[in-house]
Amino acid sequence: MRPITQIDWLEGRTDQKTMADIIPLAAVCVRDLTKSYGKESVLHRINFNVREGEILVLLGPSGSGKSTTLRLIAGLETPDSGEIWLHGRRVDSLRSRERNVGVIFQQYALFPQMTVEENIAFGLMIRKKSRREIQTTVNRLLEMVRLNEHRSKMPSQLSGGQQQRVAIARALAYGPEVLLFDEPFAALDEQNRARLRREIRALLKNIRIPAIFITHDQEEALELADHIAVLNRGRIEQIGTPAEIYSRPQTEFVATFLGAANILAGRVSGGWIELGALRLALPEDMPRTVDGDKVKVIFRPEDVIINGCLPQRPSNHYLGRSVIGEISFIGSYERLTVNLNLHQSEPELARPVAEGPPSNDSVIITVTRPRWEAEDMPLGPGQQITIGLSSYTVLPEQASDHGAAGHIERHRRGVEEVFDEGAGI
């Protein structure tokens, strides 16, 4: 039997015998989870695993199935088929209170007539714990979430971030084996969201409780997660580390949902990808391509290199001459819209900047560059530039609208890969 890879582990893509080995190792193991409401299918054979102390973020747009997945794990709904294992115990047929999971909702659900201390203690009192045990646990949790000085306040006297921390402390009070977060930062302003997610990630790493978050916020997912599962229309399109998901998207949906992405249609020809009169090298290990195959070249705005930087690094790939359209100042970086001429002559790598109108045979791409580069090399609308790519992803056309694991390659010569699919567990 071949060794289990990290991709196999995350996606639950293993046979029955191997699953018997994986289940005891996983804090959460979801296998072939399916759910429909009437004739509407909401989840299609969802598979993933979460290790002890790990944070998994389910990321997707509204209606992608992420909330349903969370509710199935929590026991708030029943799956049509599939299995849910928590710490080696199958729980999909158990009631919610028998699963020992803590759920933190977007609305916090604090009791308005109780103090912070009483809210945290409530679950312990229901479980008839001793007064001494309750006081010890509450004191420890108040210290952990840094709310000791607010213990006697009512929820209405707290900020949104403080209320969220009370909700987390209350969920932790009875010792859950898994924490589930349902869009926990949605009600907060951006500044408090950013601060609180850093605090909660640090807290979860300290207490080593596995956690699953759901969100539609890409930045939130990238900052919180050890691994991200991207959902679209009830299917997981890709699972990986934040760097893997962002830098090596396996589908066009993943590429565009995780941030700005430029997409060019091309065709395979003799070891190259033809983009009109332009061409890029086809990755040597790109599987199952023949001349004439249609592909998509995907690259991020920050992957574009302008003018003088291009010839200095052998890992860079010339793309073509372009004309700047608009320039926007976005604080820490500059954003350019660029007209890339797809029908031009052979490249001139050290071409000087010159004035010139955009070509009629061009596509518009987005480029970003850091503020220091914009200050060192000022550019203006209408200027002609030479651009190249530091890296790019190649997708077969059939991977544009659905998952196609194993059918993509990230072309990043000389750069260490951030995710090793061959690493065993």
Protein backbone atom coordinates (compact mmCIF):
# COMPACT_ATOMS: atom_id res chain seq x y z
CA MET A 1 0.00 0.00 0.00
CA ARG A 2 1.34 3.45 -0.87
CA PRO A 3 2.04 5.87 2.02
CA ILE A 4 -0.68 8.30 3.04
CA THR A 5 0.11 11.80 1.79
CA GLN A 6 -0.90 15.10 3.33
CA ILE A 7 -3.46 15.61 0.55
CA ASP A 8 -4.94 12.15 1.26
CA TRP A 9 -5.09 12.98 4.96
CA LEU A 10 -6.81 16.34 4.55
CA GLU A 11 -9.32 15.21 1.96
CA GLY A 12 -10.10 11.85 3.57
CA ARG A 13 -9.19 10.27 0.23
CA THR A 14 -8.29 6.77 1.44
CA ASP A 15 -9.63 3.24 1.32
CA GLN A 16 -11.58 1.57 4.14
CA LYS A 17 -8.53 -0.16 5.63
CA THR A 18 -6.52 3.05 5.67
CA MET A 19 -9.45 4.91 7.23
CA ALA A 20 -9.30 2.50 10.15
CA ASP A 21 -5.75 3.75 10.74
CA ILE A 22 -6.61 7.43 10.24
CA ILE A 23 -9.70 7.70 12.45
CA PRO A 24 -7.84 7.25 15.77
CA LEU A 25 -5.33 9.94 14.68
CA ALA A 26 -7.92 12.55 13.73
CA ALA A 27 -9.65 14.87 16.16
CA VAL A 28 -12.36 15.31 13.52
CA CYS A 29 -12.91 12.93 10.62
CA VAL A 30 -15.71 13.66 8.13
CA ARG A 31 -16.28 11.12 5.41
CA ASP A 32 -18.68 11.18 2.44
CA LEU A 33 -21.06 13.59 4.17
CA THR A 34 -24.21 14.25 2.12
CA LYS A 35 -27.22 16.42 2.87
CA SER A 36 -30.32 17.45 0.91
CA TYR A 37 -33.36 19.55 1.71
CA GLY A 38 -36.18 18.07 -0.33
CA LYS A 39 -34.94 17.89 -3.91
CA GLU A 40 -32.18 20.42 -3.31
CA SER A 41 -28.80 18.80 -2.73
CA VAL A 42 -26.73 20.94 -0.34
CA LEU A 43 -23.66 18.78 0.33
CA HIS A 44 -22.05 16.24 -2.02
CA ARG A 45 -19.77 13.69 -0.32
CA ILE A 46 -17.75 16.07 1.84
CA ASN A 47 -14.45 14.65 3.15
CA PHE A 48 -11.85 16.19 5.47
CA ASN A 49 -9.80 15.52 8.60
CA VAL A 50 -8.62 17.80 11.40
CA ARG A 51 -5.73 16.98 13.71
CA GLU A 52 -5.50 17.74 17.41
CA GLY A 53 -4.72 21.43 17.96
CA GLU A 54 -5.37 22.30 14.32
CA ILE A 55 -7.59 25.06 12.91
CA LEU A 56 -9.57 24.28 9.76
CA VAL A 57 -11.51 27.05 8.03
CA LEU A 58 -14.44 26.19 5.76
CA LEU A 59 -14.43 29.03 3.24
CA GLY A 60 -17.05 29.72 0.62
CA PRO A 61 -19.77 32.06 -0.59
CA SER A 62 -23.31 32.10 0.75
CA GLY A 63 -25.07 28.85 -0.13
CA SER A 64 -21.87 26.83 -0.56
CA GLY A 65 -22.75 24.40 2.25
CA LYS A 66 -20.32 25.51 4.96
CA SER A 67 -22.99 26.30 7.59
CA THR A 68 -24.74 23.00 6.90
CA THR A 69 -21.45 21.16 7.38
CA LEU A 70 -20.92 22.85 10.74
CA ARG A 71 -24.47 22.08 11.89
CA LEU A 72 -24.06 18.42 10.95
CA ILE A 73 -20.86 18.14 12.99
CA ALA A 74 -22.52 19.89 15.93
CA GLY A 75 -25.49 17.52 15.79
CA LEU A 76 -27.99 20.29 15.06
CA GLU A 77 -28.98 18.48 11.86
CA THR A 78 -28.77 14.89 10.62
CA PRO A 79 -26.85 13.90 7.46
CA ASP A 80 -28.52 11.87 4.72
CA SER A 81 -25.40 9.70 4.53
CA GLY A 82 -21.77 9.72 5.56
CA GLU A 83 -19.82 9.49 8.80
CA ILE A 84 -18.64 11.94 11.46
CA TRP A 85 -15.92 10.83 13.88
CA LEU A 86 -14.69 12.90 16.84
CA HIS A 87 -11.54 11.62 18.54
CA GLY A 88 -12.10 8.09 17.27
CA ARG A 89 -15.79 7.96 18.25
CA ARG A 90 -18.49 7.88 15.60
CA VAL A 91 -21.06 10.54 16.49
CA ASP A 92 -23.31 11.13 13.47
CA SER A 93 -26.15 9.19 15.13
CA LEU A 94 -25.68 10.84 18.54
CA ARG A 95 -27.59 13.81 19.89
CA SER A 96 -25.83 17.17 20.03
CA ARG A 97 -25.27 17.13 23.80
CA GLU A 98 -23.61 13.71 23.57
CA ARG A 99 -20.90 14.87 21.17
CA ASN A 100 -18.95 17.15 23.53
CA VAL A 101 -18.50 19.97 21.04
CA GLY A 102 -18.61 23.68 21.78
CA VAL A 103 -20.36 25.99 19.31
CA ILE A 104 -19.72 29.75 19.19
CA PHE A 105 -22.34 31.55 17.15
CA GLN A 106 -22.20 34.88 15.37
CA GLN A 107 -24.78 36.39 17.76
CA TYR A 108 -22.85 35.25 20.91
CA ALA A 109 -26.14 34.14 22.59
CA LEU A 110 -25.15 35.51 26.01
CA PHE A 111 -27.78 35.76 28.74
CA PRO A 112 -28.44 39.50 29.06
CA GLN A 113 -29.62 39.28 32.68
CA MET A 114 -26.44 37.49 33.84
CA THR A 115 -22.99 38.91 34.54
CA VAL A 116 -19.91 37.79 32.64
CA GLU A 117 -19.03 35.44 35.49
CA GLU A 118 -22.52 33.96 35.62
CA ASN A 119 -22.64 33.43 31.85
CA ILE A 120 -19.42 31.43 31.96
CA ALA A 121 -20.57 29.42 34.99
CA PHE A 122 -24.03 28.61 33.62
CA GLY A 123 -23.13 25.37 31.82
CA LEU A 124 -21.23 24.10 34.84
CA MET A 125 -24.17 24.78 37.14
CA ILE A 126 -26.51 22.90 34.79
CA ARG A 127 -24.10 19.96 35.01
CA LYS A 128 -24.27 20.22 38.82
CA LYS A 129 -20.56 20.82 39.35
CA SER A 130 -19.44 21.78 42.84
CA ARG A 131 -19.26 25.44 43.77
CA ARG A 132 -15.51 25.16 44.24
CA GLU A 133 -14.98 23.55 40.82
CA ILE A 134 -17.17 26.19 39.18
CA GLN A 135 -15.26 29.05 40.79
CA THR A 136 -11.88 27.56 39.91
CA THR A 137 -12.89 26.99 36.27
CA VAL A 138 -14.44 30.45 35.88
CA ASN A 139 -11.39 32.17 37.36
CA ARG A 140 -9.07 30.25 35.03
CA LEU A 141 -11.15 31.07 31.95
CA LEU A 142 -11.53 34.75 32.83
CA GLU A 143 -7.76 34.96 33.10
CA MET A 144 -7.34 33.07 29.83
CA VAL A 145 -9.59 35.42 27.83
CA ARG A 146 -8.32 38.49 29.71
CA LEU A 147 -11.69 39.54 31.15
CA ASN A 148 -10.99 39.19 34.87
CA GLU A 149 -11.65 42.86 35.55
CA HIS A 150 -14.99 42.67 33.71
CA ARG A 151 -16.37 39.65 35.59
CA SER A 152 -19.20 41.59 37.27
CA LYS A 153 -20.34 43.47 34.15
CA MET A 154 -23.46 42.70 32.15
CA PRO A 155 -23.12 41.81 28.44
CA SER A 156 -24.61 45.18 27.46
CA GLN A 157 -21.64 46.88 29.12
CA LEU A 158 -19.10 45.04 26.96
CA SER A 159 -17.76 45.69 23.48
CA GLY A 160 -18.49 43.23 20.68
CA GLY A 161 -15.02 41.72 20.98
CA GLN A 162 -15.39 41.29 24.73
CA GLN A 163 -18.77 39.61 24.30
CA GLN A 164 -17.21 37.21 21.82
CA ARG A 165 -14.51 36.29 24.33
CA VAL A 166 -17.18 35.62 26.97
CA ALA A 167 -18.92 33.29 24.50
CA ILE A 168 -15.66 31.42 23.92
CA ALA A 169 -14.97 31.13 27.65
CA ARG A 170 -18.49 29.78 28.22
CA ALA A 171 -17.99 27.19 25.47
CA LEU A 172 -14.66 26.14 27.01
CA ALA A 173 -16.08 25.84 30.54
CA TYR A 174 -17.30 22.25 30.22
CA GLY A 175 -14.19 20.97 28.42
CA PRO A 176 -15.31 20.40 24.81
CA GLU A 177 -13.17 18.19 22.59
CA VAL A 178 -13.83 20.32 19.49
CA LEU A 179 -14.78 23.98 19.00
CA LEU A 180 -17.01 25.09 16.12
CA PHE A 181 -17.17 28.77 15.14
CA ASP A 182 -20.10 30.03 13.04
CA GLU A 183 -18.95 33.32 11.42
CA PRO A 184 -17.81 34.56 14.86
CA PHE A 185 -16.48 37.95 13.73
CA ALA A 186 -19.23 39.00 11.32
CA ALA A 187 -20.83 41.48 13.74
CA LEU A 188 -17.56 43.31 14.47
CA ASP A 189 -15.97 46.23 12.64
CA GLU A 190 -12.87 45.52 10.57
CA GLN A 191 -10.35 46.76 13.14
CA ASN A 192 -11.81 44.66 15.96
CA ARG A 193 -12.21 41.66 13.64
CA ALA A 194 -8.52 41.69 12.75
CA ARG A 195 -7.43 42.03 16.37
CA LEU A 196 -9.82 39.40 17.74
CA ARG A 197 -8.99 36.72 15.19
CA ARG A 198 -5.30 37.03 16.07
CA GLU A 199 -6.17 36.73 19.76
CA ILE A 200 -8.41 33.71 19.23
CA ARG A 201 -5.86 31.92 17.06
CA ALA A 202 -3.22 32.43 19.76
CA LEU A 203 -5.66 31.19 22.41
CA LEU A 204 -6.58 28.06 20.45
CA LYS A 205 -2.93 27.25 19.82
CA ASN A 206 -2.25 27.63 23.52
CA ILE A 207 -5.03 25.29 24.68
CA ARG A 208 -4.55 22.83 21.76
CA ILE A 209 -8.26 22.27 21.08
CA PRO A 210 -9.08 21.52 17.42
CA ALA A 211 -11.36 24.12 15.88
CA ILE A 212 -13.43 24.53 12.73
CA PHE A 213 -14.41 28.02 11.56
CA ILE A 214 -16.78 28.94 8.78
CA THR A 215 -16.45 32.24 6.95
CA HIS A 216 -16.89 33.90 3.57
CA ASP A 217 -14.07 36.36 4.35
CA GLN A 218 -10.90 35.42 2.46
CA GLU A 219 -8.51 37.48 4.59
CA GLU A 220 -9.99 36.01 7.75
CA ALA A 221 -9.49 32.47 6.44
CA LEU A 222 -5.89 33.11 5.38
CA GLU A 223 -4.97 34.59 8.77
CA LEU A 224 -6.77 32.08 11.00
CA ALA A 225 -6.30 28.72 9.34
CA ASP A 226 -3.75 25.97 9.46
CA HIS A 227 -5.71 24.51 6.55
CA ILE A 228 -8.54 25.86 4.42
CA ALA A 229 -11.29 23.89 2.68
CA VAL A 230 -12.86 25.92 -0.13
CA LEU A 231 -16.52 25.01 -0.73
CA ASN A 232 -18.55 25.81 -3.81
CA ARG A 233 -22.08 24.58 -4.48
CA GLY A 234 -21.85 21.84 -1.87
CA ARG A 235 -18.48 20.45 -2.94
CA ILE A 236 -14.97 20.93 -1.61
CA GLU A 237 -12.94 22.31 -4.50
CA GLN A 238 -9.59 22.31 -2.70
CA ILE A 239 -8.03 21.73 0.72
CA GLY A 240 -4.59 22.98 1.69
CA THR A 241 -2.56 25.42 3.72
CA PRO A 242 -3.36 29.12 3.23
CA ALA A 243 -0.22 29.49 1.11
CA GLU A 244 -1.16 26.43 -0.96
CA ILE A 245 -4.71 27.62 -1.58
CA TYR A 246 -3.64 31.14 -2.50
CA SER A 247 -0.54 30.33 -4.55
CA ARG A 248 -1.56 27.01 -6.12
CA PRO A 249 -5.29 27.12 -6.85
CA GLN A 250 -6.65 23.93 -8.36
CA THR A 251 -9.69 25.53 -9.99
CA GLU A 252 -10.60 28.88 -11.47
CA PHE A 253 -13.18 29.36 -8.72
CA VAL A 254 -10.57 28.94 -5.99
CA ALA A 255 -8.22 31.34 -7.76
CA THR A 256 -10.79 34.11 -8.06
CA PHE A 257 -12.50 33.60 -4.70
CA LEU A 258 -9.22 33.87 -2.77
CA GLY A 259 -8.36 37.28 -4.21
CA ALA A 260 -7.66 39.14 -7.42
CA ALA A 261 -6.47 36.89 -10.23
CA ASN A 262 -5.60 37.45 -13.88
CA ILE A 263 -6.77 34.67 -16.22
CA LEU A 264 -5.56 34.26 -19.80
CA ALA A 265 -6.87 31.62 -22.22
CA GLY A 266 -4.15 29.71 -24.06
CA ARG A 267 -3.40 26.61 -26.09
CA VAL A 268 -0.64 24.00 -25.72
CA SER A 269 1.83 23.86 -28.60
CA GLY A 270 5.22 22.16 -28.65
CA GLY A 271 6.02 22.56 -24.97
CA TRP A 272 4.68 26.11 -24.84
CA ILE A 273 1.44 27.82 -23.96
CA GLU A 274 0.41 30.11 -26.79
CA LEU A 275 -1.43 33.28 -25.77
CA GLY A 276 -2.07 34.85 -29.15
CA ALA A 277 1.41 35.80 -30.39
CA LEU A 278 2.80 35.55 -26.85
CA ARG A 279 3.89 32.35 -25.19
CA LEU A 280 4.91 30.95 -21.83
CA ALA A 281 6.75 27.74 -21.01
CA LEU A 282 4.54 24.76 -20.25
CA PRO A 283 5.58 23.16 -16.94
CA GLU A 284 7.61 20.05 -17.68
CA ASP A 285 5.61 17.92 -15.26
CA MET A 286 2.21 19.17 -16.41
CA PRO A 287 0.29 15.88 -16.82
CA ARG A 288 -1.81 14.69 -19.74
CA THR A 289 -1.49 17.55 -22.20
CA VAL A 290 -1.14 17.30 -25.97
CA ASP A 291 -0.76 19.95 -28.61
CA GLY A 292 -4.01 21.79 -29.11
CA ASP A 293 -5.26 21.39 -25.54
CA LYS A 294 -6.91 24.51 -24.17
CA VAL A 295 -5.58 25.80 -20.85
CA LYS A 296 -5.96 28.76 -18.52
CA VAL A 297 -2.93 30.68 -17.24
CA ILE A 298 -3.65 32.20 -13.83
CA PHE A 299 -1.46 34.65 -11.96
CA ARG A 300 -1.89 37.10 -9.11
CA PRO A 301 -1.40 40.86 -9.59
CA GLU A 302 1.70 40.71 -7.38
CA ASP A 303 3.22 38.00 -9.62
CA VAL A 304 3.71 40.57 -12.40
CA ILE A 305 7.18 42.12 -12.74
CA ILE A 306 7.61 45.44 -14.51
CA ASN A 307 10.53 46.60 -16.67
CA GLY A 308 14.02 46.60 -15.10
CA CYS A 309 13.44 43.81 -12.59
CA LEU A 310 12.74 41.27 -15.31
CA PRO A 311 16.17 40.31 -16.76
CA GLN A 312 17.85 40.05 -13.34
CA ARG A 313 16.24 36.79 -12.22
CA PRO A 314 16.38 33.60 -14.32
CA SER A 315 13.20 32.27 -12.68
CA ASN A 316 11.16 35.09 -14.22
CA HIS A 317 9.28 34.59 -17.47
CA TYR A 318 8.83 37.27 -20.10
CA LEU A 319 5.19 37.91 -21.00
CA GLY A 320 5.02 40.93 -23.29
CA ARG A 321 4.82 44.67 -23.82
CA SER A 322 1.92 46.51 -22.26
CA VAL A 323 0.46 49.97 -21.89
CA ILE A 324 -0.64 51.35 -18.53
CA GLY A 325 -4.30 52.30 -18.28
CA GLU A 326 -5.16 53.50 -14.78
CA ILE A 327 -3.09 53.80 -11.60
CA SER A 328 -4.62 53.75 -8.10
CA PHE A 329 -2.88 54.42 -4.79
CA ILE A 330 -4.06 51.86 -2.19
CA GLY A 331 -1.91 52.85 0.78
CA SER A 332 0.75 50.16 1.12
CA TYR A 333 0.74 49.34 -2.59
CA GLU A 334 -0.09 50.72 -6.03
CA ARG A 335 -2.60 49.06 -8.36
CA LEU A 336 -2.33 49.36 -12.14
CA THR A 337 -4.67 48.29 -14.90
CA VAL A 338 -2.55 47.30 -17.87
CA ASN A 339 -3.42 46.62 -21.52
CA LEU A 340 -1.41 43.56 -22.57
CA ASN A 341 -0.93 43.29 -26.34
CA LEU A 342 -1.44 39.65 -27.36
CA HIS A 343 -0.32 40.22 -30.97
CA GLN A 344 3.18 41.65 -30.81
CA SER A 345 6.64 40.87 -32.11
CA GLU A 346 9.42 39.02 -30.26
CA PRO A 347 10.30 40.30 -26.78
CA GLU A 348 12.79 43.03 -26.04
CA LEU A 349 13.73 42.44 -22.39
CA ALA A 350 15.45 45.75 -21.62
CA ARG A 351 12.99 47.95 -23.47
CA PRO A 352 12.80 51.58 -22.18
CA VAL A 353 9.55 53.09 -20.97
CA ALA A 354 7.81 55.07 -23.72
CA GLU A 355 4.50 56.70 -24.42
CA GLY A 356 2.00 54.80 -26.51
CA PRO A 357 -1.72 54.04 -26.86
CA PRO A 358 -3.16 50.61 -25.99
CA SER A 359 -3.43 48.05 -28.77
CA ASN A 360 -6.79 46.98 -30.18
CA ASP A 361 -5.66 43.35 -29.69
CA SER A 362 -5.13 43.52 -25.93
CA VAL A 363 -6.50 42.15 -22.69
CA ILE A 364 -6.67 44.09 -19.45
CA ILE A 365 -4.78 42.67 -16.49
CA THR A 366 -4.30 43.96 -12.96
CA VAL A 367 -0.85 44.57 -11.51
CA THR A 368 0.14 45.55 -7.98
CA ARG A 369 3.51 46.69 -6.73
CA PRO A 370 4.71 47.81 -3.30
CA ARG A 371 4.83 51.50 -2.48
CA TRP A 372 8.63 51.58 -2.33
CA GLU A 373 8.83 50.29 -5.91
CA ALA A 374 6.27 52.84 -7.07
CA GLU A 375 8.32 55.62 -5.46
CA ASP A 376 11.61 54.35 -6.94
CA MET A 377 10.17 53.87 -10.45
CA PRO A 378 7.22 56.24 -11.01
CA LEU A 379 4.90 55.31 -13.88
CA GLY A 380 1.95 57.07 -15.46
CA PRO A 381 -1.10 56.28 -17.60
CA GLY A 382 -0.25 55.74 -21.27
CA GLN A 383 3.33 54.60 -20.62
CA GLN A 384 4.54 51.46 -22.35
CA ILE A 385 6.18 48.85 -20.13
CA THR A 386 7.66 45.38 -20.38
CA ILE A 387 6.16 42.81 -18.04
CA GLY A 388 7.02 39.30 -16.95
CA LEU A 389 5.79 36.80 -14.40
CA SER A 390 7.57 35.50 -11.33
CA SER A 391 5.14 32.55 -11.21
CA TYR A 392 1.89 31.34 -12.71
CA THR A 393 -0.58 28.47 -12.50
CA VAL A 394 -1.68 26.41 -15.50
CA LEU A 395 -5.12 24.80 -15.44
CA PRO A 396 -6.62 22.56 -18.11
CA GLU A 397 -9.84 24.09 -19.38
CA GLN A 398 -11.94 21.35 -17.73
CA ALA A 399 -10.64 22.48 -14.32
CA SER A 400 -12.10 25.95 -14.73
CA ASP A 401 -15.46 25.21 -13.14
CA HIS A 402 -14.91 22.20 -10.89
CA GLY A 403 -12.27 20.46 -8.82
CA ALA A 404 -9.42 18.78 -10.66
CA ALA A 405 -6.86 17.75 -8.08
CA GLY A 406 -3.65 16.57 -9.67
CA HIS A 407 -4.30 18.44 -12.92
CA ILE A 408 -2.52 21.69 -12.14
CA GLU A 409 1.04 22.81 -11.82
CA ARG A 410 2.48 25.92 -10.24
CA HIS A 411 5.37 27.13 -12.39
CA ARG A 412 7.79 28.55 -9.81
CA ARG A 413 11.34 27.65 -10.75
CA GLY A 414 13.93 28.09 -8.03
CA VAL A 415 11.35 28.76 -5.33
CA GLU A 416 10.86 26.26 -2.50
CA GLU A 417 7.38 24.69 -2.49
CA VAL A 418 5.29 25.53 0.54
CA PHE A 419 3.36 22.27 0.54
CA ASP A 420 4.88 18.85 -0.01
CA GLU A 421 2.26 16.42 -1.25
CA GLY A 422 4.63 13.54 -0.73
CA ALA A 423 5.13 14.09 2.98
CA GLY A 424 3.64 11.32 5.06
CA ILE A 425 1.64 11.81 8.20
